[in-house]
Amino acid sequence: MEANSGASEPNSNATITINVKFSGVSIPISISPNSTIKDLKSLLLPSTNVLPRGQKLIFKGKVLEDPMTLTASKLTNGSKLMLVASQCLYQGDGPVLKKAQVVPKSRKDGHSGSSNDMKKIPVKNRMERWKATGVVALSECNLEAIPDEVWVCGSSARVLDCNKNSIKNIPNEIARLTSLEKLFINANEIVDESIRWEGLTTLKYLTVLSLNHNNLTTLSSALGSLTSLRELHVSNNKLSGLPNEIGHLTQLEVLRANNNRYYLNLCT
């Protein structure tokens, strides 16, 4: 039985293809019409290197809103959108350009070098790289928050490097990185209240926590729950002391807390 387009129980298996023009390239995206514009932006990230919050999708002269579904936005199969990116919100190496540009002209592999061969070489999927290597590298990306795409890595992520950004908080979603071993958030804008310790302390495999050059004045007693921690770096903050619970970190080998507000007695 066919369902009406306005039925209350749409077919969740149906997909449509949306064509998004960006940097002179048309990017086809297959997606459910019940998905939101925010979902569409997330799917565009691997092909554009533009973070979702830096994307503006324009359809028939109108900027599409994140919470709206594709159906509510009047997008149908074959609809053509334009993507405008905020210059400061590229991820990593910046925007992905035309696919032909990622193939060195001098490359020889015994093939004819036809345009068809070049089209078969995919643009590097950054999230796939994160999952394959276990290293989420986001240092010096002008970020104000850890991108939502990071949490998708889940147990694949072993190292999260967000050094030298303007990140203001460590959210509860950090708990989704269940196999994380090393967390580097040096030289950001972290303050006491912006660390969600209830999420951070679930990371039972965390061995290195580095929070140098932030704006911390205290550390939570919950720190003592990170019992696998071997290195703790909190230099160049505004700390006046360390919690007594640091004594619970029986595997701690390196503690760096120099250049804080007052002298910290680190002798045991």
C-alpha atoms as a PDB file:
ATOM      1  CA  MET A   1       0.000   0.000   0.000  1.00  0.00           C
ATOM      2  CA  GLU A   2       1.361   3.393  -0.906  1.00  0.00           C
ATOM      3  CA  ALA A   3       1.718   5.927   1.862  1.00  0.00           C
ATOM      4  CA  ASN A   4       0.583   9.484   1.396  1.00  0.00           C
ATOM      5  CA  SER A   5       3.320  12.112   1.472  1.00  0.00           C
ATOM      6  CA  GLY A   6       1.726  13.572   4.566  1.00  0.00           C
ATOM      7  CA  ALA A   7       1.244  10.298   6.435  1.00  0.00           C
ATOM      8  CA  SER A   8       2.169  10.193  10.089  1.00  0.00           C
ATOM      9  CA  GLU A   9       4.262   7.036   9.647  1.00  0.00           C
ATOM     10  CA  PRO A  10       6.769   7.732   6.839  1.00  0.00           C
ATOM     11  CA  ASN A  11       8.943   4.970   5.423  1.00  0.00           C
ATOM     12  CA  SER A  12      12.172   5.285   7.406  1.00  0.00           C
ATOM     13  CA  ASN A  13      14.018   3.143   4.814  1.00  0.00           C
ATOM     14  CA  ALA A  14      13.360   5.572   1.941  1.00  0.00           C
ATOM     15  CA  THR A  15      16.187   7.879   0.920  1.00  0.00           C
ATOM     16  CA  ILE A  16      16.518  10.798  -1.422  1.00  0.00           C
ATOM     17  CA  THR A  17      19.574  12.285  -3.073  1.00  0.00           C
ATOM     18  CA  ILE A  18      20.429  15.905  -2.383  1.00  0.00           C
ATOM     19  CA  ASN A  19      23.061  17.645  -4.529  1.00  0.00           C
ATOM     20  CA  VAL A  20      25.147  20.193  -2.646  1.00  0.00           C
ATOM     21  CA  LYS A  21      27.369  22.571  -4.599  1.00  0.00           C
ATOM     22  CA  PHE A  22      30.584  23.577  -2.826  1.00  0.00           C
ATOM     23  CA  SER A  23      33.890  24.914  -4.203  1.00  0.00           C
ATOM     24  CA  GLY A  24      32.740  24.236  -7.744  1.00  0.00           C
ATOM     25  CA  VAL A  25      31.918  20.593  -7.002  1.00  0.00           C
ATOM     26  CA  SER A  26      28.472  18.998  -6.784  1.00  0.00           C
ATOM     27  CA  ILE A  27      28.353  16.595  -3.825  1.00  0.00           C
ATOM     28  CA  PRO A  28      25.542  14.003  -3.915  1.00  0.00           C
ATOM     29  CA  ILE A  29      24.250  12.969  -0.473  1.00  0.00           C
ATOM     30  CA  SER A  30      21.800  10.099   0.056  1.00  0.00           C
ATOM     31  CA  ILE A  31      19.700  10.730   3.139  1.00  0.00           C
ATOM     32  CA  SER A  32      16.292  10.049   4.624  1.00  0.00           C
ATOM     33  CA  PRO A  33      13.776  12.862   4.067  1.00  0.00           C
ATOM     34  CA  ASN A  34      12.973  12.577   7.785  1.00  0.00           C
ATOM     35  CA  SER A  35      16.534  13.618   8.695  1.00  0.00           C
ATOM     36  CA  THR A  36      17.239  17.135   9.885  1.00  0.00           C
ATOM     37  CA  ILE A  37      19.344  19.805   8.229  1.00  0.00           C
ATOM     38  CA  LYS A  38      21.853  19.263  11.043  1.00  0.00           C
ATOM     39  CA  ASP A  39      22.103  15.587  10.031  1.00  0.00           C
ATOM     40  CA  LEU A  40      22.752  16.637   6.449  1.00  0.00           C
ATOM     41  CA  LYS A  41      25.550  18.959   7.577  1.00  0.00           C
ATOM     42  CA  SER A  42      27.196  16.115   9.491  1.00  0.00           C
ATOM     43  CA  LEU A  43      27.163  13.971   6.350  1.00  0.00           C
ATOM     44  CA  LEU A  44      28.819  16.797   4.422  1.00  0.00           C
ATOM     45  CA  LEU A  45      31.743  17.076   6.847  1.00  0.00           C
ATOM     46  CA  PRO A  46      33.922  14.268   5.362  1.00  0.00           C
ATOM     47  CA  SER A  47      33.574  15.656   1.832  1.00  0.00           C
ATOM     48  CA  THR A  48      34.105  19.322   2.691  1.00  0.00           C
ATOM     49  CA  ASN A  49      36.156  19.474   5.914  1.00  0.00           C
ATOM     50  CA  VAL A  50      33.760  22.201   7.056  1.00  0.00           C
ATOM     51  CA  LEU A  51      32.437  21.759  10.587  1.00  0.00           C
ATOM     52  CA  PRO A  52      28.614  21.654  10.714  1.00  0.00           C
ATOM     53  CA  ARG A  53      28.405  24.875  12.737  1.00  0.00           C
ATOM     54  CA  GLY A  54      30.376  26.607   9.976  1.00  0.00           C
ATOM     55  CA  GLN A  55      28.029  25.480   7.203  1.00  0.00           C
ATOM     56  CA  LYS A  56      25.209  27.527   5.715  1.00  0.00           C
ATOM     57  CA  LEU A  57      22.970  25.565   3.377  1.00  0.00           C
ATOM     58  CA  ILE A  58      20.944  27.674   0.975  1.00  0.00           C
ATOM     59  CA  PHE A  59      17.927  26.449  -0.969  1.00  0.00           C
ATOM     60  CA  LYS A  60      16.079  28.771  -3.341  1.00  0.00           C
ATOM     61  CA  GLY A  61      17.631  31.801  -1.660  1.00  0.00           C
ATOM     62  CA  LYS A  62      16.712  30.710   1.877  1.00  0.00           C
ATOM     63  CA  VAL A  63      19.128  29.613   4.611  1.00  0.00           C
ATOM     64  CA  LEU A  64      17.968  26.262   5.993  1.00  0.00           C
ATOM     65  CA  GLU A  65      17.614  25.884   9.768  1.00  0.00           C
ATOM     66  CA  ASP A  66      19.295  22.999  11.652  1.00  0.00           C
ATOM     67  CA  PRO A  67      16.206  21.641  13.509  1.00  0.00           C
ATOM     68  CA  MET A  68      14.038  21.421  10.377  1.00  0.00           C
ATOM     69  CA  THR A  69      13.600  18.109   8.584  1.00  0.00           C
ATOM     70  CA  LEU A  70      14.324  17.837   4.888  1.00  0.00           C
ATOM     71  CA  THR A  71      10.629  17.309   4.225  1.00  0.00           C
ATOM     72  CA  ALA A  72       9.670  20.418   6.194  1.00  0.00           C
ATOM     73  CA  SER A  73      12.324  22.347   4.275  1.00  0.00           C
ATOM     74  CA  LYS A  74      10.631  21.252   1.013  1.00  0.00           C
ATOM     75  CA  LEU A  75      13.677  19.272  -0.120  1.00  0.00           C
ATOM     76  CA  THR A  76      12.927  16.408  -2.484  1.00  0.00           C
ATOM     77  CA  ASN A  77      14.917  13.914  -4.522  1.00  0.00           C
ATOM     78  CA  GLY A  78      17.307  15.834  -6.783  1.00  0.00           C
ATOM     79  CA  SER A  79      17.065  19.138  -4.911  1.00  0.00           C
ATOM     80  CA  LYS A  80      20.104  21.364  -5.381  1.00  0.00           C
ATOM     81  CA  LEU A  81      21.609  23.304  -2.483  1.00  0.00           C
ATOM     82  CA  MET A  82      24.523  25.669  -2.127  1.00  0.00           C
ATOM     83  CA  LEU A  83      26.965  25.385   0.774  1.00  0.00           C
ATOM     84  CA  VAL A  84      28.592  28.549   2.077  1.00  0.00           C
ATOM     85  CA  ALA A  85      31.349  27.952   4.634  1.00  0.00           C
ATOM     86  CA  SER A  86      32.633  30.210   7.399  1.00  0.00           C
ATOM     87  CA  GLN A  87      36.328  30.698   6.676  1.00  0.00           C
ATOM     88  CA  CYS A  88      37.431  30.067  10.287  1.00  0.00           C
ATOM     89  CA  LEU A  89      35.506  26.825  10.712  1.00  0.00           C
ATOM     90  CA  TYR A  90      37.378  24.500   8.435  1.00  0.00           C
ATOM     91  CA  GLN A  91      38.631  21.335  10.035  1.00  0.00           C
ATOM     92  CA  GLY A  92      42.259  20.314   9.746  1.00  0.00           C
ATOM     93  CA  ASP A  93      43.666  21.169   6.308  1.00  0.00           C
ATOM     94  CA  GLY A  94      40.735  23.302   5.219  1.00  0.00           C
ATOM     95  CA  PRO A  95      38.184  22.654   2.506  1.00  0.00           C
ATOM     96  CA  VAL A  96      38.342  19.609   0.289  1.00  0.00           C
ATOM     97  CA  LEU A  97      38.651  20.837  -3.281  1.00  0.00           C
ATOM     98  CA  LYS A  98      37.888  19.116  -6.560  1.00  0.00           C
ATOM     99  CA  LYS A  99      38.762  15.438  -6.470  1.00  0.00           C
ATOM    100  CA  ALA A 100      41.108  15.718  -9.443  1.00  0.00           C
ATOM    101  CA  GLN A 101      43.303  18.092  -7.443  1.00  0.00           C
ATOM    102  CA  VAL A 102      44.238  15.489  -4.839  1.00  0.00           C
ATOM    103  CA  VAL A 103      46.013  13.304  -7.438  1.00  0.00           C
ATOM    104  CA  PRO A 104      49.614  14.371  -8.236  1.00  0.00           C
ATOM    105  CA  LYS A 105      50.022  14.903 -11.973  1.00  0.00           C
ATOM    106  CA  SER A 106      53.368  13.128 -12.002  1.00  0.00           C
ATOM    107  CA  ARG A 107      52.016   9.953 -10.428  1.00  0.00           C
ATOM    108  CA  LYS A 108      52.504   6.838 -12.559  1.00  0.00           C
ATOM    109  CA  ASP A 109      51.121   3.462 -11.600  1.00  0.00           C
ATOM    110  CA  GLY A 110      51.074   1.633 -14.870  1.00  0.00           C
ATOM    111  CA  HIS A 111      47.542   2.771 -15.739  1.00  0.00           C
ATOM    112  CA  SER A 112      46.540   5.022 -18.572  1.00  0.00           C
ATOM    113  CA  GLY A 113      45.883   7.899 -16.172  1.00  0.00           C
ATOM    114  CA  SER A 114      42.437   8.494 -17.574  1.00  0.00           C
ATOM    115  CA  SER A 115      39.945  10.809 -15.900  1.00  0.00           C
ATOM    116  CA  ASN A 116      37.912   7.739 -14.908  1.00  0.00           C
ATOM    117  CA  ASP A 117      40.860   6.407 -12.896  1.00  0.00           C
ATOM    118  CA  MET A 118      41.197   9.734 -11.109  1.00  0.00           C
ATOM    119  CA  LYS A 119      37.529   9.775 -10.159  1.00  0.00           C
ATOM    120  CA  LYS A 120      37.928   6.419  -8.432  1.00  0.00           C
ATOM    121  CA  ILE A 121      40.363   7.904  -5.883  1.00  0.00           C
ATOM    122  CA  PRO A 122      38.209   9.076  -2.965  1.00  0.00           C
ATOM    123  CA  VAL A 123      38.698  12.215  -0.938  1.00  0.00           C
ATOM    124  CA  LYS A 124      40.233  11.279   2.429  1.00  0.00           C
ATOM    125  CA  ASN A 125      37.556  10.794   5.007  1.00  0.00           C
ATOM    126  CA  ARG A 126      38.840  12.435   8.159  1.00  0.00           C
ATOM    127  CA  MET A 127      36.536  10.552  10.514  1.00  0.00           C
ATOM    128  CA  GLU A 128      37.580   7.258   8.965  1.00  0.00           C
ATOM    129  CA  ARG A 129      41.196   8.251   9.558  1.00  0.00           C
ATOM    130  CA  TRP A 130      40.448   9.030  13.201  1.00  0.00           C
ATOM    131  CA  LYS A 131      38.823   5.638  13.646  1.00  0.00           C
ATOM    132  CA  ALA A 132      41.591   3.797  11.796  1.00  0.00           C
ATOM    133  CA  THR A 133      44.488   5.424  13.670  1.00  0.00           C
ATOM    134  CA  GLY A 134      42.792   6.027  17.010  1.00  0.00           C
ATOM    135  CA  VAL A 135      44.209   9.571  16.983  1.00  0.00           C
ATOM    136  CA  VAL A 136      41.815  12.525  16.813  1.00  0.00           C
ATOM    137  CA  ALA A 137      44.086  15.435  15.872  1.00  0.00           C
ATOM    138  CA  LEU A 138      42.432  18.845  16.212  1.00  0.00           C
ATOM    139  CA  SER A 139      45.231  21.087  17.457  1.00  0.00           C
ATOM    140  CA  GLU A 140      45.330  24.682  16.199  1.00  0.00           C
ATOM    141  CA  CYS A 141      41.952  24.493  14.436  1.00  0.00           C
ATOM    142  CA  ASN A 142      40.452  27.683  15.936  1.00  0.00           C
ATOM    143  CA  LEU A 143      37.821  25.643  17.755  1.00  0.00           C
ATOM    144  CA  GLU A 144      35.613  27.004  20.522  1.00  0.00           C
ATOM    145  CA  ALA A 145      34.174  23.577  21.324  1.00  0.00           C
ATOM    146  CA  ILE A 146      35.082  19.964  20.701  1.00  0.00           C
ATOM    147  CA  PRO A 147      33.180  19.041  17.503  1.00  0.00           C
ATOM    148  CA  ASP A 148      30.257  16.636  17.818  1.00  0.00           C
ATOM    149  CA  GLU A 149      31.889  14.445  15.170  1.00  0.00           C
ATOM    150  CA  VAL A 150      34.553  13.447  17.704  1.00  0.00           C
ATOM    151  CA  TRP A 151      32.043  11.574  19.845  1.00  0.00           C
ATOM    152  CA  VAL A 152      31.085   9.400  16.866  1.00  0.00           C
ATOM    153  CA  CYS A 153      34.539   7.789  17.110  1.00  0.00           C
ATOM    154  CA  GLY A 154      33.465   6.120  20.358  1.00  0.00           C
ATOM    155  CA  SER A 155      35.767   3.324  21.482  1.00  0.00           C
ATOM    156  CA  SER A 156      38.035   3.775  18.432  1.00  0.00           C
ATOM    157  CA  ALA A 157      39.617   6.940  19.834  1.00  0.00           C
ATOM    158  CA  ARG A 158      42.739   6.451  21.945  1.00  0.00           C
ATOM    159  CA  VAL A 159      44.214   9.959  21.722  1.00  0.00           C
ATOM    160  CA  LEU A 160      42.368  13.290  21.600  1.00  0.00           C
ATOM    161  CA  ASP A 161      44.597  16.277  20.829  1.00  0.00           C
ATOM    162  CA  CYS A 162      42.821  19.637  21.024  1.00  0.00           C
ATOM    163  CA  ASN A 163      45.837  21.788  21.917  1.00  0.00           C
ATOM    164  CA  LYS A 164      45.996  25.495  21.075  1.00  0.00           C
ATOM    165  CA  ASN A 165      42.360  26.288  20.409  1.00  0.00           C
ATOM    166  CA  SER A 166      39.758  28.365  22.268  1.00  0.00           C
ATOM    167  CA  ILE A 167      37.820  25.436  23.702  1.00  0.00           C
ATOM    168  CA  LYS A 168      35.791  26.435  26.746  1.00  0.00           C
ATOM    169  CA  ASN A 169      34.544  23.136  28.157  1.00  0.00           C
ATOM    170  CA  ILE A 170      35.015  19.389  28.404  1.00  0.00           C
ATOM    171  CA  PRO A 171      31.432  18.077  28.093  1.00  0.00           C
ATOM    172  CA  ASN A 172      29.836  14.899  29.416  1.00  0.00           C
ATOM    173  CA  GLU A 173      30.042  13.453  25.906  1.00  0.00           C
ATOM    174  CA  ILE A 174      33.730  12.757  26.588  1.00  0.00           C
ATOM    175  CA  ALA A 175      32.463   9.589  28.304  1.00  0.00           C
ATOM    176  CA  ARG A 176      31.620   8.175  24.877  1.00  0.00           C
ATOM    177  CA  LEU A 177      35.339   7.811  24.133  1.00  0.00           C
ATOM    178  CA  THR A 178      35.477   4.711  26.294  1.00  0.00           C
ATOM    179  CA  SER A 179      38.983   3.619  25.239  1.00  0.00           C
ATOM    180  CA  LEU A 180      40.637   7.042  25.476  1.00  0.00           C
ATOM    181  CA  GLU A 181      44.181   6.853  26.848  1.00  0.00           C
ATOM    182  CA  LYS A 182      45.527  10.372  26.298  1.00  0.00           C
ATOM    183  CA  LEU A 183      43.708  13.696  26.472  1.00  0.00           C
ATOM    184  CA  PHE A 184      45.526  16.900  25.498  1.00  0.00           C
ATOM    185  CA  ILE A 185      43.644  20.189  25.936  1.00  0.00           C
ATOM    186  CA  ASN A 186      46.580  22.526  26.531  1.00  0.00           C
ATOM    187  CA  ALA A 187      46.378  26.249  25.773  1.00  0.00           C
ATOM    188  CA  ASN A 188      42.605  26.628  25.663  1.00  0.00           C
ATOM    189  CA  GLU A 189      40.038  28.514  27.798  1.00  0.00           C
ATOM    190  CA  ILE A 190      39.044  25.824  30.293  1.00  0.00           C
ATOM    191  CA  VAL A 191      37.801  27.038  33.698  1.00  0.00           C
ATOM    192  CA  ASP A 192      36.822  25.093  36.827  1.00  0.00           C
ATOM    193  CA  GLU A 193      33.099  24.845  36.076  1.00  0.00           C
ATOM    194  CA  SER A 194      33.575  23.859  32.453  1.00  0.00           C
ATOM    195  CA  ILE A 195      35.010  20.397  33.135  1.00  0.00           C
ATOM    196  CA  ARG A 196      32.235  17.802  33.426  1.00  0.00           C
ATOM    197  CA  TRP A 197      34.048  15.479  35.800  1.00  0.00           C
ATOM    198  CA  GLU A 198      31.164  13.000  35.859  1.00  0.00           C
ATOM    199  CA  GLY A 199      31.937  12.263  32.220  1.00  0.00           C
ATOM    200  CA  LEU A 200      35.708  12.557  32.420  1.00  0.00           C
ATOM    201  CA  THR A 201      36.073  10.179  35.360  1.00  0.00           C
ATOM    202  CA  THR A 202      34.402   7.332  33.459  1.00  0.00           C
ATOM    203  CA  LEU A 203      37.527   7.061  31.294  1.00  0.00           C
ATOM    204  CA  LYS A 204      39.074   4.069  33.041  1.00  0.00           C
ATOM    205  CA  TYR A 205      41.927   3.714  30.527  1.00  0.00           C
ATOM    206  CA  LEU A 206      43.068   7.353  30.661  1.00  0.00           C
ATOM    207  CA  THR A 207      46.811   7.458  31.383  1.00  0.00           C
ATOM    208  CA  VAL A 208      47.664  11.044  30.359  1.00  0.00           C
ATOM    209  CA  LEU A 209      45.650  14.171  31.184  1.00  0.00           C
ATOM    210  CA  SER A 210      47.215  17.446  30.064  1.00  0.00           C
ATOM    211  CA  LEU A 211      45.522  20.755  30.909  1.00  0.00           C
ATOM    212  CA  ASN A 212      48.454  23.178  30.815  1.00  0.00           C
ATOM    213  CA  HIS A 213      47.891  26.868  30.026  1.00  0.00           C
ATOM    214  CA  ASN A 214      44.213  27.156  30.937  1.00  0.00           C
ATOM    215  CA  ASN A 215      42.317  29.136  33.615  1.00  0.00           C
ATOM    216  CA  LEU A 216      41.882  26.530  36.341  1.00  0.00           C
ATOM    217  CA  THR A 217      41.872  27.644  39.981  1.00  0.00           C
ATOM    218  CA  THR A 218      40.931  24.290  41.535  1.00  0.00           C
ATOM    219  CA  LEU A 219      40.766  20.630  40.571  1.00  0.00           C
ATOM    220  CA  SER A 220      37.809  18.488  41.595  1.00  0.00           C
ATOM    221  CA  SER A 221      38.214  15.732  44.161  1.00  0.00           C
ATOM    222  CA  ALA A 222      36.751  13.501  41.433  1.00  0.00           C
ATOM    223  CA  LEU A 223      40.213  13.540  39.885  1.00  0.00           C
ATOM    224  CA  GLY A 224      41.063  10.732  42.304  1.00  0.00           C
ATOM    225  CA  SER A 225      38.753   8.406  40.351  1.00  0.00           C
ATOM    226  CA  LEU A 226      41.102   8.362  37.353  1.00  0.00           C
ATOM    227  CA  THR A 227      43.029   5.461  38.819  1.00  0.00           C
ATOM    228  CA  SER A 228      44.869   4.563  35.586  1.00  0.00           C
ATOM    229  CA  LEU A 229      46.416   8.030  35.324  1.00  0.00           C
ATOM    230  CA  ARG A 230      50.207   8.013  34.934  1.00  0.00           C
ATOM    231  CA  GLU A 231      50.765  11.617  33.899  1.00  0.00           C
ATOM    232  CA  LEU A 232      48.971  14.766  35.052  1.00  0.00           C
ATOM    233  CA  HIS A 233      49.982  18.122  33.560  1.00  0.00           C
ATOM    234  CA  VAL A 234      48.373  21.268  34.990  1.00  0.00           C
ATOM    235  CA  SER A 235      51.168  23.841  34.661  1.00  0.00           C
ATOM    236  CA  ASN A 236      50.500  27.516  33.923  1.00  0.00           C
ATOM    237  CA  ASN A 237      47.037  27.716  35.450  1.00  0.00           C
ATOM    238  CA  LYS A 238      45.878  29.594  38.580  1.00  0.00           C
ATOM    239  CA  LEU A 239      45.838  26.679  40.996  1.00  0.00           C
ATOM    240  CA  SER A 240      46.386  27.309  44.693  1.00  0.00           C
ATOM    241  CA  GLY A 241      46.518  23.643  45.613  1.00  0.00           C
ATOM    242  CA  LEU A 242      45.728  20.096  44.625  1.00  0.00           C
ATOM    243  CA  PRO A 243      42.954  17.899  46.072  1.00  0.00           C
ATOM    244  CA  ASN A 244      43.891  15.327  48.698  1.00  0.00           C
ATOM    245  CA  GLU A 245      42.299  12.677  46.495  1.00  0.00           C
ATOM    246  CA  ILE A 246      45.309  12.882  44.210  1.00  0.00           C
ATOM    247  CA  GLY A 247      46.778  10.359  46.618  1.00  0.00           C
ATOM    248  CA  HIS A 248      44.393   7.787  45.136  1.00  0.00           C
ATOM    249  CA  LEU A 249      46.305   7.927  41.857  1.00  0.00           C
ATOM    250  CA  THR A 250      48.610   5.068  42.752  1.00  0.00           C
ATOM    251  CA  GLN A 251      49.973   4.708  39.206  1.00  0.00           C
ATOM    252  CA  LEU A 252      50.870   8.388  38.813  1.00  0.00           C
ATOM    253  CA  GLU A 253      54.472   8.772  37.651  1.00  0.00           C
ATOM    254  CA  VAL A 254      54.581  12.362  36.360  1.00  0.00           C
ATOM    255  CA  LEU A 255      52.938  15.396  37.981  1.00  0.00           C
ATOM    256  CA  ARG A 256      53.673  18.809  36.508  1.00  0.00           C
ATOM    257  CA  ALA A 257      52.045  21.794  38.211  1.00  0.00           C
ATOM    258  CA  ASN A 258      54.620  24.577  37.939  1.00  0.00           C
ATOM    259  CA  ASN A 259      53.757  28.230  37.269  1.00  0.00           C
ATOM    260  CA  ASN A 260      50.506  28.371  39.194  1.00  0.00           C
ATOM    261  CA  ARG A 261      49.126  30.989  41.581  1.00  0.00           C
ATOM    262  CA  TYR A 262      50.914  29.722  44.676  1.00  0.00           C
ATOM    263  CA  TYR A 263      53.670  27.275  45.396  1.00  0.00           C
ATOM    264  CA  LEU A 264      52.305  23.747  45.420  1.00  0.00           C
ATOM    265  CA  ASN A 265      53.864  21.281  47.818  1.00  0.00           C
ATOM    266  CA  LEU A 266      54.137  18.154  45.700  1.00  0.00           C
ATOM    267  CA  CYS A 267      56.310  16.150  48.076  1.00  0.00           C
ATOM    268  CA  THR A 268      54.914  12.822  49.281  1.00  0.00           C
END
